[in-house]
Amino acid sequence: MRRPLNETRARRGALSKESPVARRCELCNKGRQVGHKVSHSNIKTKKVWLPNIQKVRAVVDGKPVILSVCTRCIRSGKVEKRTDAKAA
């Protein structure tokens, strides 16, 4: 006997209110994209592309903060990374 779909998703954590990993860039607001994976026989199944989100220690308004930022924002210099005073 199969479980109801909602129960299966709840066990996997899909229906939980809190997400352990932020899937959205805090700077450019980039999120997931949805489309179709197309097979050789032209069968279309749903596919989700997630952005490459990294946790970065950055300086915002002179205060050190941890941000969830996509790699494009890190590479383009939209994030001012925090420098430790102890390293100097």
N, C-alpha and C. Protein backbone atom coordinates (compact mmCIF):
# COMPACT_ATOMS: atom_id res chain seq x y z
N MET A 1 0.84 -1.18 0.00
CA MET A 1 0.00 0.00 0.00
C MET A 1 0.88 1.24 0.00
N ARG A 2 0.57 2.19 -0.87
CA ARG A 2 1.37 3.41 -0.99
C ARG A 2 0.92 4.45 0.01
N ARG A 3 1.89 5.25 0.47
CA ARG A 3 1.57 6.35 1.36
C ARG A 3 0.98 7.50 0.57
N PRO A 4 0.16 8.34 1.22
CA PRO A 4 -0.30 9.55 0.54
C PRO A 4 0.88 10.45 0.21
N LEU A 5 0.76 11.21 -0.86
CA LEU A 5 1.86 12.04 -1.34
C LEU A 5 2.31 13.06 -0.29
N ASN A 6 1.35 13.69 0.40
CA ASN A 6 1.72 14.70 1.39
C ASN A 6 2.54 14.12 2.52
N GLU A 7 2.22 12.90 2.94
CA GLU A 7 2.97 12.26 4.02
C GLU A 7 4.39 11.95 3.56
N THR A 8 4.54 11.51 2.32
CA THR A 8 5.87 11.20 1.80
C THR A 8 6.72 12.47 1.72
N ARG A 9 6.13 13.55 1.23
CA ARG A 9 6.88 14.81 1.13
C ARG A 9 7.24 15.35 2.51
N ALA A 10 6.33 15.21 3.48
CA ALA A 10 6.60 15.70 4.82
C ALA A 10 7.76 14.94 5.44
N ARG A 11 7.86 13.65 5.15
CA ARG A 11 8.98 12.87 5.69
C ARG A 11 10.31 13.35 5.11
N ARG A 12 10.29 13.75 3.85
CA ARG A 12 11.52 14.24 3.22
C ARG A 12 11.83 15.67 3.61
N GLY A 13 10.89 16.36 4.24
CA GLY A 13 11.13 17.73 4.65
C GLY A 13 10.67 18.76 3.64
N ALA A 14 9.96 18.35 2.60
CA ALA A 14 9.55 19.27 1.56
C ALA A 14 8.45 20.22 2.02
N LEU A 15 7.66 19.81 2.99
CA LEU A 15 6.56 20.65 3.45
C LEU A 15 6.88 21.39 4.74
N SER A 16 8.11 21.29 5.22
CA SER A 16 8.44 21.99 6.45
C SER A 16 8.54 23.49 6.20
N LYS A 17 8.22 24.28 7.22
CA LYS A 17 8.23 25.74 7.09
C LYS A 17 9.65 26.27 6.97
N GLU A 18 10.58 25.65 7.67
CA GLU A 18 11.95 26.14 7.68
C GLU A 18 12.79 25.35 6.69
N SER A 19 13.51 26.06 5.84
CA SER A 19 14.41 25.42 4.90
C SER A 19 15.82 25.49 5.47
N PRO A 20 16.55 24.37 5.52
CA PRO A 20 17.88 24.41 6.10
C PRO A 20 18.87 25.22 5.27
N VAL A 21 18.67 25.30 3.96
CA VAL A 21 19.57 26.04 3.09
C VAL A 21 18.76 27.10 2.35
N ALA A 22 19.27 28.33 2.38
CA ALA A 22 18.59 29.39 1.64
C ALA A 22 18.79 29.14 0.15
N ARG A 23 17.72 29.16 -0.62
CA ARG A 23 17.82 28.90 -2.05
C ARG A 23 17.65 30.18 -2.84
N ARG A 24 17.91 31.31 -2.24
CA ARG A 24 17.75 32.59 -2.92
C ARG A 24 18.92 33.50 -2.52
N CYS A 25 19.48 34.18 -3.51
CA CYS A 25 20.57 35.12 -3.26
C CYS A 25 20.01 36.35 -2.55
N GLU A 26 20.68 36.78 -1.49
CA GLU A 26 20.20 37.93 -0.73
C GLU A 26 20.49 39.26 -1.43
N LEU A 27 21.36 39.26 -2.43
CA LEU A 27 21.68 40.50 -3.14
C LEU A 27 20.87 40.67 -4.42
N CYS A 28 20.93 39.68 -5.30
CA CYS A 28 20.25 39.83 -6.59
C CYS A 28 18.91 39.11 -6.63
N ASN A 29 18.55 38.42 -5.56
CA ASN A 29 17.26 37.74 -5.43
C ASN A 29 17.10 36.60 -6.43
N LYS A 30 18.22 36.04 -6.89
CA LYS A 30 18.16 34.92 -7.83
C LYS A 30 17.68 33.67 -7.09
N GLY A 31 16.72 32.97 -7.70
CA GLY A 31 16.16 31.77 -7.08
C GLY A 31 16.19 30.61 -8.04
N ARG A 32 15.36 29.61 -7.77
CA ARG A 32 15.35 28.43 -8.61
C ARG A 32 14.63 28.69 -9.93
N GLN A 33 15.00 27.91 -10.95
CA GLN A 33 14.32 27.98 -12.23
C GLN A 33 13.75 26.62 -12.54
N VAL A 34 12.57 26.59 -13.13
CA VAL A 34 11.89 25.34 -13.42
C VAL A 34 11.73 25.21 -14.92
N GLY A 35 11.93 24.01 -15.42
CA GLY A 35 11.76 23.76 -16.84
C GLY A 35 11.54 22.28 -17.09
N HIS A 36 11.78 21.86 -18.31
CA HIS A 36 11.61 20.46 -18.69
C HIS A 36 12.93 19.83 -19.04
N LYS A 37 13.13 18.60 -18.58
CA LYS A 37 14.22 17.78 -19.08
C LYS A 37 13.63 17.01 -20.25
N VAL A 38 14.23 17.13 -21.42
CA VAL A 38 13.68 16.52 -22.62
C VAL A 38 14.56 15.35 -23.03
N SER A 39 13.95 14.16 -23.10
CA SER A 39 14.70 12.96 -23.48
C SER A 39 14.82 12.88 -24.99
N HIS A 40 15.56 11.89 -25.45
CA HIS A 40 15.74 11.68 -26.89
C HIS A 40 14.41 11.39 -27.57
N SER A 41 13.49 10.73 -26.85
CA SER A 41 12.18 10.42 -27.42
C SER A 41 11.17 11.55 -27.16
N ASN A 42 11.68 12.71 -26.75
CA ASN A 42 10.89 13.93 -26.56
C ASN A 42 9.89 13.82 -25.39
N ILE A 43 10.20 12.96 -24.40
CA ILE A 43 9.38 12.90 -23.18
C ILE A 43 9.87 14.01 -22.26
N LYS A 44 8.93 14.81 -21.77
CA LYS A 44 9.29 15.95 -20.93
C LYS A 44 8.97 15.65 -19.47
N THR A 45 9.98 15.78 -18.63
CA THR A 45 9.77 15.65 -17.19
C THR A 45 10.25 16.93 -16.51
N LYS A 46 9.65 17.24 -15.37
CA LYS A 46 9.99 18.49 -14.70
C LYS A 46 11.41 18.46 -14.14
N LYS A 47 12.08 19.57 -14.25
CA LYS A 47 13.46 19.70 -13.78
C LYS A 47 13.60 21.03 -13.07
N VAL A 48 14.39 21.06 -12.00
CA VAL A 48 14.60 22.29 -11.24
C VAL A 48 16.10 22.59 -11.24
N TRP A 49 16.46 23.81 -11.59
CA TRP A 49 17.84 24.28 -11.52
C TRP A 49 17.96 25.22 -10.36
N LEU A 50 18.89 24.94 -9.43
CA LEU A 50 19.09 25.77 -8.25
C LEU A 50 20.34 26.62 -8.45
N PRO A 51 20.33 27.86 -7.95
CA PRO A 51 21.51 28.70 -8.05
C PRO A 51 22.60 28.19 -7.11
N ASN A 52 23.83 28.51 -7.44
CA ASN A 52 24.96 28.12 -6.60
C ASN A 52 25.09 29.15 -5.47
N ILE A 53 24.46 28.86 -4.34
CA ILE A 53 24.42 29.77 -3.20
C ILE A 53 25.52 29.40 -2.22
N GLN A 54 26.29 30.39 -1.81
CA GLN A 54 27.37 30.19 -0.84
C GLN A 54 27.15 31.12 0.35
N LYS A 55 27.53 30.65 1.53
CA LYS A 55 27.49 31.52 2.71
C LYS A 55 28.81 32.26 2.77
N VAL A 56 28.75 33.59 2.86
CA VAL A 56 29.94 34.44 2.80
C VAL A 56 29.93 35.39 3.99
N ARG A 57 31.07 35.55 4.60
CA ARG A 57 31.21 36.57 5.64
C ARG A 57 31.49 37.89 4.95
N ALA A 58 30.60 38.85 5.12
CA ALA A 58 30.72 40.12 4.42
C ALA A 58 30.53 41.28 5.38
N VAL A 59 30.85 42.47 4.89
CA VAL A 59 30.67 43.69 5.68
C VAL A 59 29.50 44.46 5.10
N VAL A 60 28.47 44.69 5.93
CA VAL A 60 27.30 45.46 5.53
C VAL A 60 27.11 46.58 6.54
N ASP A 61 27.15 47.82 6.07
CA ASP A 61 27.05 49.00 6.94
C ASP A 61 28.09 48.99 8.05
N GLY A 62 29.29 48.50 7.73
CA GLY A 62 30.38 48.50 8.70
C GLY A 62 30.33 47.36 9.71
N LYS A 63 29.34 46.48 9.60
CA LYS A 63 29.21 45.37 10.54
C LYS A 63 29.41 44.04 9.81
N PRO A 64 30.11 43.09 10.43
CA PRO A 64 30.28 41.79 9.79
C PRO A 64 28.99 40.97 9.86
N VAL A 65 28.58 40.39 8.72
CA VAL A 65 27.36 39.61 8.62
C VAL A 65 27.64 38.38 7.77
N ILE A 66 26.84 37.33 7.97
CA ILE A 66 26.92 36.16 7.09
C ILE A 66 25.75 36.24 6.12
N LEU A 67 26.07 36.24 4.82
CA LEU A 67 25.06 36.36 3.78
C LEU A 67 25.02 35.10 2.93
N SER A 68 23.86 34.78 2.41
CA SER A 68 23.72 33.72 1.41
C SER A 68 23.70 34.40 0.05
N VAL A 69 24.78 34.20 -0.72
CA VAL A 69 24.97 34.95 -1.96
C VAL A 69 25.31 33.99 -3.08
N CYS A 70 24.82 34.28 -4.30
CA CYS A 70 25.16 33.44 -5.45
C CYS A 70 26.60 33.73 -5.88
N THR A 71 27.19 32.79 -6.60
CA THR A 71 28.59 32.93 -6.99
C THR A 71 28.79 34.04 -8.01
N ARG A 72 27.78 34.37 -8.77
CA ARG A 72 27.90 35.47 -9.73
C ARG A 72 28.09 36.80 -8.99
N CYS A 73 27.36 36.99 -7.88
CA CYS A 73 27.51 38.23 -7.11
C CYS A 73 28.88 38.29 -6.42
N ILE A 74 29.38 37.14 -5.98
CA ILE A 74 30.71 37.10 -5.37
C ILE A 74 31.76 37.45 -6.42
N ARG A 75 31.64 36.85 -7.61
CA ARG A 75 32.62 37.04 -8.68
C ARG A 75 32.60 38.46 -9.21
N SER A 76 31.40 39.07 -9.30
CA SER A 76 31.30 40.42 -9.87
C SER A 76 31.66 41.51 -8.87
N GLY A 77 31.89 41.13 -7.61
CA GLY A 77 32.33 42.11 -6.62
C GLY A 77 31.20 42.86 -5.94
N LYS A 78 30.00 42.32 -5.96
CA LYS A 78 28.88 42.97 -5.28
C LYS A 78 28.96 42.78 -3.76
N VAL A 79 29.84 41.86 -3.32
CA VAL A 79 30.00 41.57 -1.90
C VAL A 79 31.36 42.05 -1.45
N GLU A 80 31.38 42.83 -0.37
CA GLU A 80 32.66 43.23 0.23
C GLU A 80 32.96 42.23 1.33
N LYS A 81 33.94 41.36 1.06
CA LYS A 81 34.25 40.30 2.01
C LYS A 81 34.89 40.88 3.26
N ARG A 82 34.60 40.22 4.36
CA ARG A 82 35.13 40.66 5.65
C ARG A 82 36.59 40.25 5.77
N THR A 83 37.43 41.12 6.26
CA THR A 83 38.83 40.79 6.55
C THR A 83 38.99 40.73 8.04
N ASP A 84 39.63 39.67 8.52
CA ASP A 84 39.83 39.51 9.96
C ASP A 84 40.97 40.39 10.43
N ALA A 85 40.77 41.04 11.57
CA ALA A 85 41.81 41.91 12.14
C ALA A 85 42.96 41.08 12.70
N LYS A 86 42.68 39.82 13.11
CA LYS A 86 43.71 38.97 13.70
C LYS A 86 44.74 38.52 12.66
N ALA A 87 44.34 38.46 11.39
CA ALA A 87 45.23 37.97 10.34
C ALA A 87 46.37 38.96 10.07
N ALA A 88 46.18 40.23 10.37
CA ALA A 88 47.19 41.23 10.06
C ALA A 88 48.32 41.25 11.03
